[in-house]
Structure formats: structure tokens, C-alpha cells
């Protein structure tokens, strides 16, 4: 499993996931620091990441554009 961790979550989550053997990146690790939500969602979709965020706007983006195609944990 590959996780893409949004900017609103702590680095400790990335470290925890990595310690459990998962691949986990923060947005800045993949050049998306400060990126628009739609760009983040598109990157996660294209690269088969599970997107982890506290940003409820992703719920709308998921519902409108990626329903059934992108896994998002809110």
C-alpha cells in the first residue's frame, strides 16, 4: 500500500506508516507542497496512492471526479 499524506497531518503519521512497512510520502516529498486539492487528487489517482487528509473538500472532489477510482481517507 502507498499513502500520500496531506499537509494538514503530522510527520509522525508518515513515520508511523513507514515503520509498519508501508510506503508513505508527504505532499512536499513529491513536489506538491501548496498544490490545489484537485492537483493532489489527480497525482494520487495517477500514481495509485491512498490519499490521507483532514480536508473535507476532498470529499467533494472524490464524489465528483474520482468516485470508485481513488481511495481517500478523511
PDB file of N, CA and C in Angstrom:
ATOM      1  N   UNK A   1       0.839  -1.185   0.000  1.00  0.00           N
ATOM      2  CA  UNK A   1       0.000   0.000   0.000  1.00  0.00           C
ATOM      3  C   UNK A   1       0.879   1.241   0.000  1.00  0.00           C
ATOM      4  N   UNK A   2       0.437   2.246  -0.748  1.00  0.00           N
ATOM      5  CA  UNK A   2       1.153   3.516  -0.829  1.00  0.00           C
ATOM      6  C   UNK A   2       0.222   4.623  -0.339  1.00  0.00           C
ATOM      7  N   UNK A   3       0.724   5.433   0.577  1.00  0.00           N
ATOM      8  CA  UNK A   3      -0.063   6.508   1.153  1.00  0.00           C
ATOM      9  C   UNK A   3       0.531   7.859   0.785  1.00  0.00           C
ATOM     10  N   UNK A   4      -0.337   8.788   0.423  1.00  0.00           N
ATOM     11  CA  UNK A   4       0.037  10.180   0.213  1.00  0.00           C
ATOM     12  C   UNK A   4      -0.628  10.976   1.325  1.00  0.00           C
ATOM     13  N   UNK A   5       0.186  11.597   2.170  1.00  0.00           N
ATOM     14  CA  UNK A   5      -0.299  12.268   3.367  1.00  0.00           C
ATOM     15  C   UNK A   5      -0.400  13.767   3.112  1.00  0.00           C
ATOM     16  N   UNK A   6      -1.571  14.320   3.316  1.00  0.00           N
ATOM     17  CA  UNK A   6      -1.826  15.741   3.097  1.00  0.00           C
ATOM     18  C   UNK A   6      -1.052  16.594   4.099  1.00  0.00           C
ATOM     19  N   UNK A   7      -0.903  17.876   3.762  1.00  0.00           N
ATOM     20  CA  UNK A   7      -0.148  18.824   4.589  1.00  0.00           C
ATOM     21  C   UNK A   7      -0.766  19.053   5.958  1.00  0.00           C
ATOM     22  N   UNK A   8      -2.031  18.757   6.121  1.00  0.00           N
ATOM     23  CA  UNK A   8      -2.703  19.027   7.397  1.00  0.00           C
ATOM     24  C   UNK A   8      -2.528  17.897   8.411  1.00  0.00           C
ATOM     25  N   UNK A   9      -1.702  16.931   8.092  1.00  0.00           N
ATOM     26  CA  UNK A   9      -1.434  15.815   9.003  1.00  0.00           C
ATOM     27  C   UNK A   9       0.039  15.823   9.410  1.00  0.00           C
ATOM     28  N   UNK A  10       0.339  15.321  10.608  1.00  0.00           N
ATOM     29  CA  UNK A  10       1.708  15.423  11.127  1.00  0.00           C
ATOM     30  C   UNK A  10       2.691  14.445  10.473  1.00  0.00           C
ATOM     31  N   UNK A  11       3.939  14.838  10.492  1.00  0.00           N
ATOM     32  CA  UNK A  11       5.021  13.992  10.001  1.00  0.00           C
ATOM     33  C   UNK A  11       5.049  12.660  10.744  1.00  0.00           C
ATOM     34  N   UNK A  12       4.620  12.667  11.994  1.00  0.00           N
ATOM     35  CA  UNK A  12       4.621  11.424  12.782  1.00  0.00           C
ATOM     36  C   UNK A  12       3.761  10.342  12.127  1.00  0.00           C
ATOM     37  N   UNK A  13       2.720  10.715  11.400  1.00  0.00           N
ATOM     38  CA  UNK A  13       1.896   9.725  10.696  1.00  0.00           C
ATOM     39  C   UNK A  13       2.704   9.053   9.590  1.00  0.00           C
ATOM     40  N   UNK A  14       3.464   9.841   8.850  1.00  0.00           N
ATOM     41  CA  UNK A  14       4.322   9.287   7.799  1.00  0.00           C
ATOM     42  C   UNK A  14       5.325   8.319   8.418  1.00  0.00           C
ATOM     43  N   UNK A  15       5.951   8.745   9.505  1.00  0.00           N
ATOM     44  CA  UNK A  15       6.940   7.893  10.174  1.00  0.00           C
ATOM     45  C   UNK A  15       6.301   6.609  10.690  1.00  0.00           C
ATOM     46  N   UNK A  16       5.103   6.712  11.251  1.00  0.00           N
ATOM     47  CA  UNK A  16       4.401   5.533  11.748  1.00  0.00           C
ATOM     48  C   UNK A  16       4.114   4.553  10.617  1.00  0.00           C
ATOM     49  N   UNK A  17       3.556   5.044   9.524  1.00  0.00           N
ATOM     50  CA  UNK A  17       3.234   4.171   8.394  1.00  0.00           C
ATOM     51  C   UNK A  17       4.488   3.498   7.844  1.00  0.00           C
ATOM     52  N   UNK A  18       5.570   4.267   7.740  1.00  0.00           N
ATOM     53  CA  UNK A  18       6.832   3.693   7.250  1.00  0.00           C
ATOM     54  C   UNK A  18       7.350   2.623   8.201  1.00  0.00           C
ATOM     55  N   UNK A  19       7.196   2.855   9.508  1.00  0.00           N
ATOM     56  CA  UNK A  19       7.680   1.873  10.493  1.00  0.00           C
ATOM     57  C   UNK A  19       6.914   0.554  10.403  1.00  0.00           C
ATOM     58  N   UNK A  20       5.712   0.614   9.843  1.00  0.00           N
ATOM     59  CA  UNK A  20       4.892  -0.588   9.666  1.00  0.00           C
ATOM     60  C   UNK A  20       5.100  -1.226   8.294  1.00  0.00           C
ATOM     61  N   UNK A  21       6.045  -0.689   7.531  1.00  0.00           N
ATOM     62  CA  UNK A  21       6.387  -1.280   6.244  1.00  0.00           C
ATOM     63  C   UNK A  21       5.654  -0.715   5.041  1.00  0.00           C
ATOM     64  N   UNK A  22       4.873   0.343   5.241  1.00  0.00           N
ATOM     65  CA  UNK A  22       4.138   0.954   4.135  1.00  0.00           C
ATOM     66  C   UNK A  22       4.976   2.037   3.468  1.00  0.00           C
ATOM     67  N   UNK A  23       4.669   2.323   2.233  1.00  0.00           N
ATOM     68  CA  UNK A  23       5.238   3.465   1.535  1.00  0.00           C
ATOM     69  C   UNK A  23       4.368   4.666   1.871  1.00  0.00           C
ATOM     70  N   UNK A  24       4.992   5.743   2.350  1.00  0.00           N
ATOM     71  CA  UNK A  24       4.230   6.936   2.725  1.00  0.00           C
ATOM     72  C   UNK A  24       5.039   8.181   2.395  1.00  0.00           C
ATOM     73  N   UNK A  25       4.372   9.144   1.765  1.00  0.00           N
ATOM     74  CA  UNK A  25       5.003  10.407   1.392  1.00  0.00           C
ATOM     75  C   UNK A  25       4.119  11.567   1.814  1.00  0.00           C
ATOM     76  N   UNK A  26       4.762  12.661   2.175  1.00  0.00           N
ATOM     77  CA  UNK A  26       4.047  13.916   2.382  1.00  0.00           C
ATOM     78  C   UNK A  26       3.978  14.623   1.029  1.00  0.00           C
ATOM     79  N   UNK A  27       3.116  15.599   0.912  1.00  0.00           N
ATOM     80  CA  UNK A  27       2.984  16.302  -0.363  1.00  0.00           C
ATOM     81  C   UNK A  27       4.297  16.925  -0.800  1.00  0.00           C
ATOM     82  N   UNK A  28       5.039  17.503   0.149  1.00  0.00           N
ATOM     83  CA  UNK A  28       6.300  18.147  -0.233  1.00  0.00           C
ATOM     84  C   UNK A  28       7.321  17.141  -0.750  1.00  0.00           C
ATOM     85  N   UNK A  29       7.224  15.884  -0.338  1.00  0.00           N
ATOM     86  CA  UNK A  29       8.144  14.842  -0.813  1.00  0.00           C
ATOM     87  C   UNK A  29       7.980  14.573  -2.304  1.00  0.00           C
ATOM     88  N   UNK A  30       6.802  14.845  -2.834  1.00  0.00           N
ATOM     89  CA  UNK A  30       6.522  14.570  -4.252  1.00  0.00           C
ATOM     90  C   UNK A  30       6.313  15.854  -5.049  1.00  0.00           C
ATOM     91  N   UNK A  31       6.760  16.989  -4.485  1.00  0.00           N
ATOM     92  CA  UNK A  31       6.695  18.266  -5.195  1.00  0.00           C
ATOM     93  C   UNK A  31       5.320  18.902  -5.239  1.00  0.00           C
ATOM     94  N   UNK A  32       4.454  18.578  -4.276  1.00  0.00           N
ATOM     95  CA  UNK A  32       3.090  19.109  -4.288  1.00  0.00           C
ATOM     96  C   UNK A  32       2.790  20.032  -3.111  1.00  0.00           C
ATOM     97  N   UNK A  33       3.813  20.542  -2.439  1.00  0.00           N
ATOM     98  CA  UNK A  33       3.568  21.447  -1.314  1.00  0.00           C
ATOM     99  C   UNK A  33       2.803  22.670  -1.813  1.00  0.00           C
ATOM    100  N   UNK A  34       1.676  22.961  -1.170  1.00  0.00           N
ATOM    101  CA  UNK A  34       0.856  24.111  -1.537  1.00  0.00           C
ATOM    102  C   UNK A  34       0.004  23.913  -2.782  1.00  0.00           C
ATOM    103  N   UNK A  35      -0.040  22.703  -3.308  1.00  0.00           N
ATOM    104  CA  UNK A  35      -0.799  22.435  -4.536  1.00  0.00           C
ATOM    105  C   UNK A  35      -2.304  22.490  -4.281  1.00  0.00           C
ATOM    106  N   UNK A  36      -3.043  22.752  -5.333  1.00  0.00           N
ATOM    107  CA  UNK A  36      -4.503  22.743  -5.276  1.00  0.00           C
ATOM    108  C   UNK A  36      -4.989  21.320  -4.987  1.00  0.00           C
ATOM    109  N   UNK A  37      -6.130  21.220  -4.326  1.00  0.00           N
ATOM    110  CA  UNK A  37      -6.685  19.909  -3.975  1.00  0.00           C
ATOM    111  C   UNK A  37      -6.874  19.017  -5.196  1.00  0.00           C
ATOM    112  N   UNK A  38      -7.345  19.591  -6.285  1.00  0.00           N
ATOM    113  CA  UNK A  38      -7.584  18.781  -7.484  1.00  0.00           C
ATOM    114  C   UNK A  38      -6.281  18.222  -8.047  1.00  0.00           C
ATOM    115  N   UNK A  39      -5.196  18.986  -7.950  1.00  0.00           N
ATOM    116  CA  UNK A  39      -3.890  18.509  -8.414  1.00  0.00           C
ATOM    117  C   UNK A  39      -3.390  17.356  -7.535  1.00  0.00           C
ATOM    118  N   UNK A  40      -3.594  17.488  -6.225  1.00  0.00           N
ATOM    119  CA  UNK A  40      -3.203  16.433  -5.288  1.00  0.00           C
ATOM    120  C   UNK A  40      -3.997  15.158  -5.577  1.00  0.00           C
ATOM    121  N   UNK A  41      -5.297  15.293  -5.752  1.00  0.00           N
ATOM    122  CA  UNK A  41      -6.148  14.136  -6.035  1.00  0.00           C
ATOM    123  C   UNK A  41      -5.739  13.469  -7.344  1.00  0.00           C
ATOM    124  N   UNK A  42      -5.454  14.263  -8.358  1.00  0.00           N
ATOM    125  CA  UNK A  42      -5.045  13.717  -9.648  1.00  0.00           C
ATOM    126  C   UNK A  42      -3.721  12.960  -9.529  1.00  0.00           C
ATOM    127  N   UNK A  43      -2.768  13.522  -8.778  1.00  0.00           N
ATOM    128  CA  UNK A  43      -1.483  12.852  -8.571  1.00  0.00           C
ATOM    129  C   UNK A  43      -1.691  11.515  -7.858  1.00  0.00           C
ATOM    130  N   UNK A  44      -2.484  11.532  -6.805  1.00  0.00           N
ATOM    131  CA  UNK A  44      -2.747  10.300  -6.051  1.00  0.00           C
ATOM    132  C   UNK A  44      -3.400   9.252  -6.954  1.00  0.00           C
ATOM    133  N   UNK A  45      -4.350   9.666  -7.766  1.00  0.00           N
ATOM    134  CA  UNK A  45      -5.031   8.749  -8.683  1.00  0.00           C
ATOM    135  C   UNK A  45      -4.057   8.158  -9.708  1.00  0.00           C
ATOM    136  N   UNK A  46      -3.293   9.023 -10.363  1.00  0.00           N
ATOM    137  CA  UNK A  46      -2.355   8.574 -11.404  1.00  0.00           C
ATOM    138  C   UNK A  46      -1.289   7.626 -10.867  1.00  0.00           C
ATOM    139  N   UNK A  47      -0.887   7.835  -9.614  1.00  0.00           N
ATOM    140  CA  UNK A  47       0.211   7.059  -9.035  1.00  0.00           C
ATOM    141  C   UNK A  47      -0.255   5.989  -8.052  1.00  0.00           C
ATOM    142  N   UNK A  48      -1.571   5.781  -8.009  1.00  0.00           N
ATOM    143  CA  UNK A  48      -2.175   4.710  -7.193  1.00  0.00           C
ATOM    144  C   UNK A  48      -1.858   4.823  -5.701  1.00  0.00           C
ATOM    145  N   UNK A  49      -1.949   6.050  -5.188  1.00  0.00           N
ATOM    146  CA  UNK A  49      -1.789   6.296  -3.763  1.00  0.00           C
ATOM    147  C   UNK A  49      -3.146   6.287  -3.070  1.00  0.00           C
ATOM    148  N   UNK A  50      -3.155   5.936  -1.808  1.00  0.00           N
ATOM    149  CA  UNK A  50      -4.294   6.187  -0.933  1.00  0.00           C
ATOM    150  C   UNK A  50      -4.053   7.569  -0.349  1.00  0.00           C
ATOM    151  N   UNK A  51      -4.978   8.465  -0.550  1.00  0.00           N
ATOM    152  CA  UNK A  51      -4.840   9.840  -0.080  1.00  0.00           C
ATOM    153  C   UNK A  51      -5.403   9.955   1.330  1.00  0.00           C
ATOM    154  N   UNK A  52      -4.580  10.465   2.255  1.00  0.00           N
ATOM    155  CA  UNK A  52      -4.989  10.628   3.650  1.00  0.00           C
ATOM    156  C   UNK A  52      -5.005  12.124   3.953  1.00  0.00           C
ATOM    157  N   UNK A  53      -6.146  12.634   4.406  1.00  0.00           N
ATOM    158  CA  UNK A  53      -6.303  14.065   4.630  1.00  0.00           C
ATOM    159  C   UNK A  53      -7.343  14.346   5.709  1.00  0.00           C
ATOM    160  N   UNK A  54      -7.293  15.546   6.241  1.00  0.00           N
ATOM    161  CA  UNK A  54      -8.357  16.041   7.124  1.00  0.00           C
ATOM    162  C   UNK A  54      -9.211  17.080   6.402  1.00  0.00           C
ATOM    163  N   UNK A  55      -8.880  17.351   5.152  1.00  0.00           N
ATOM    164  CA  UNK A  55      -9.544  18.370   4.346  1.00  0.00           C
ATOM    165  C   UNK A  55     -10.829  17.796   3.750  1.00  0.00           C
ATOM    166  N   UNK A  56     -11.952  18.251   4.242  1.00  0.00           N
ATOM    167  CA  UNK A  56     -13.242  17.720   3.785  1.00  0.00           C
ATOM    168  C   UNK A  56     -13.564  18.092   2.343  1.00  0.00           C
ATOM    169  N   UNK A  57     -12.850  19.067   1.765  1.00  0.00           N
ATOM    170  CA  UNK A  57     -13.057  19.403   0.358  1.00  0.00           C
ATOM    171  C   UNK A  57     -12.735  18.216  -0.547  1.00  0.00           C
ATOM    172  N   UNK A  58     -11.861  17.340  -0.090  1.00  0.00           N
ATOM    173  CA  UNK A  58     -11.541  16.164  -0.889  1.00  0.00           C
ATOM    174  C   UNK A  58     -12.749  15.250  -1.038  1.00  0.00           C
ATOM    175  N   UNK A  59     -13.651  15.288  -0.095  1.00  0.00           N
ATOM    176  CA  UNK A  59     -14.874  14.502  -0.217  1.00  0.00           C
ATOM    177  C   UNK A  59     -15.657  14.912  -1.449  1.00  0.00           C
ATOM    178  N   UNK A  60     -15.751  16.210  -1.691  1.00  0.00           N
ATOM    179  CA  UNK A  60     -16.443  16.730  -2.870  1.00  0.00           C
ATOM    180  C   UNK A  60     -15.702  16.330  -4.140  1.00  0.00           C
ATOM    181  N   UNK A  61     -14.382  16.528  -4.147  1.00  0.00           N
ATOM    182  CA  UNK A  61     -13.578  16.183  -5.325  1.00  0.00           C
ATOM    183  C   UNK A  61     -13.711  14.697  -5.633  1.00  0.00           C
ATOM    184  N   UNK A  62     -13.629  13.883  -4.596  1.00  0.00           N
ATOM    185  CA  UNK A  62     -13.758  12.438  -4.782  1.00  0.00           C
ATOM    186  C   UNK A  62     -15.119  12.100  -5.394  1.00  0.00           C
ATOM    187  N   UNK A  63     -16.163  12.660  -4.811  1.00  0.00           N
ATOM    188  CA  UNK A  63     -17.523  12.353  -5.264  1.00  0.00           C
ATOM    189  C   UNK A  63     -17.740  12.782  -6.715  1.00  0.00           C
ATOM    190  N   UNK A  64     -17.216  13.944  -7.089  1.00  0.00           N
ATOM    191  CA  UNK A  64     -17.440  14.478  -8.429  1.00  0.00           C
ATOM    192  C   UNK A  64     -16.539  13.855  -9.498  1.00  0.00           C
ATOM    193  N   UNK A  65     -15.279  13.561  -9.142  1.00  0.00           N
ATOM    194  CA  UNK A  65     -14.315  13.178 -10.167  1.00  0.00           C
ATOM    195  C   UNK A  65     -13.754  11.762 -10.071  1.00  0.00           C
ATOM    196  N   UNK A  66     -13.647  11.243  -8.862  1.00  0.00           N
ATOM    197  CA  UNK A  66     -12.892  10.003  -8.694  1.00  0.00           C
ATOM    198  C   UNK A  66     -13.663   8.886  -8.013  1.00  0.00           C
ATOM    199  N   UNK A  67     -14.940   9.012  -7.927  1.00  0.00           N
ATOM    200  CA  UNK A  67     -15.741   8.004  -7.226  1.00  0.00           C
ATOM    201  C   UNK A  67     -15.435   6.608  -7.762  1.00  0.00           C
ATOM    202  N   UNK A  68     -15.007   5.729  -6.856  1.00  0.00           N
ATOM    203  CA  UNK A  68     -14.668   4.369  -7.232  1.00  0.00           C
ATOM    204  C   UNK A  68     -13.297   4.197  -7.857  1.00  0.00           C
ATOM    205  N   UNK A  69     -12.558   5.308  -8.027  1.00  0.00           N
ATOM    206  CA  UNK A  69     -11.252   5.244  -8.683  1.00  0.00           C
ATOM    207  C   UNK A  69     -10.099   5.629  -7.763  1.00  0.00           C
ATOM    208  N   UNK A  70     -10.382   6.386  -6.718  1.00  0.00           N
ATOM    209  CA  UNK A  70      -9.352   6.893  -5.814  1.00  0.00           C
ATOM    210  C   UNK A  70      -9.777   6.599  -4.390  1.00  0.00           C
ATOM    211  N   UNK A  71      -8.880   6.000  -3.624  1.00  0.00           N
ATOM    212  CA  UNK A  71      -9.175   5.753  -2.215  1.00  0.00           C
ATOM    213  C   UNK A  71      -8.739   6.968  -1.418  1.00  0.00           C
ATOM    214  N   UNK A  72      -9.667   7.534  -0.662  1.00  0.00           N
ATOM    215  CA  UNK A  72      -9.390   8.716   0.142  1.00  0.00           C
ATOM    216  C   UNK A  72      -9.833   8.447   1.565  1.00  0.00           C
ATOM    217  N   UNK A  73      -8.941   8.679   2.516  1.00  0.00           N
ATOM    218  CA  UNK A  73      -9.265   8.555   3.934  1.00  0.00           C
ATOM    219  C   UNK A  73      -9.400   9.945   4.508  1.00  0.00           C
ATOM    220  N   UNK A  74     -10.592  10.278   4.996  1.00  0.00           N
ATOM    221  CA  UNK A  74     -10.834  11.599   5.586  1.00  0.00           C
ATOM    222  C   UNK A  74     -10.870  11.484   7.090  1.00  0.00           C
TER     223      UNK A  74
END
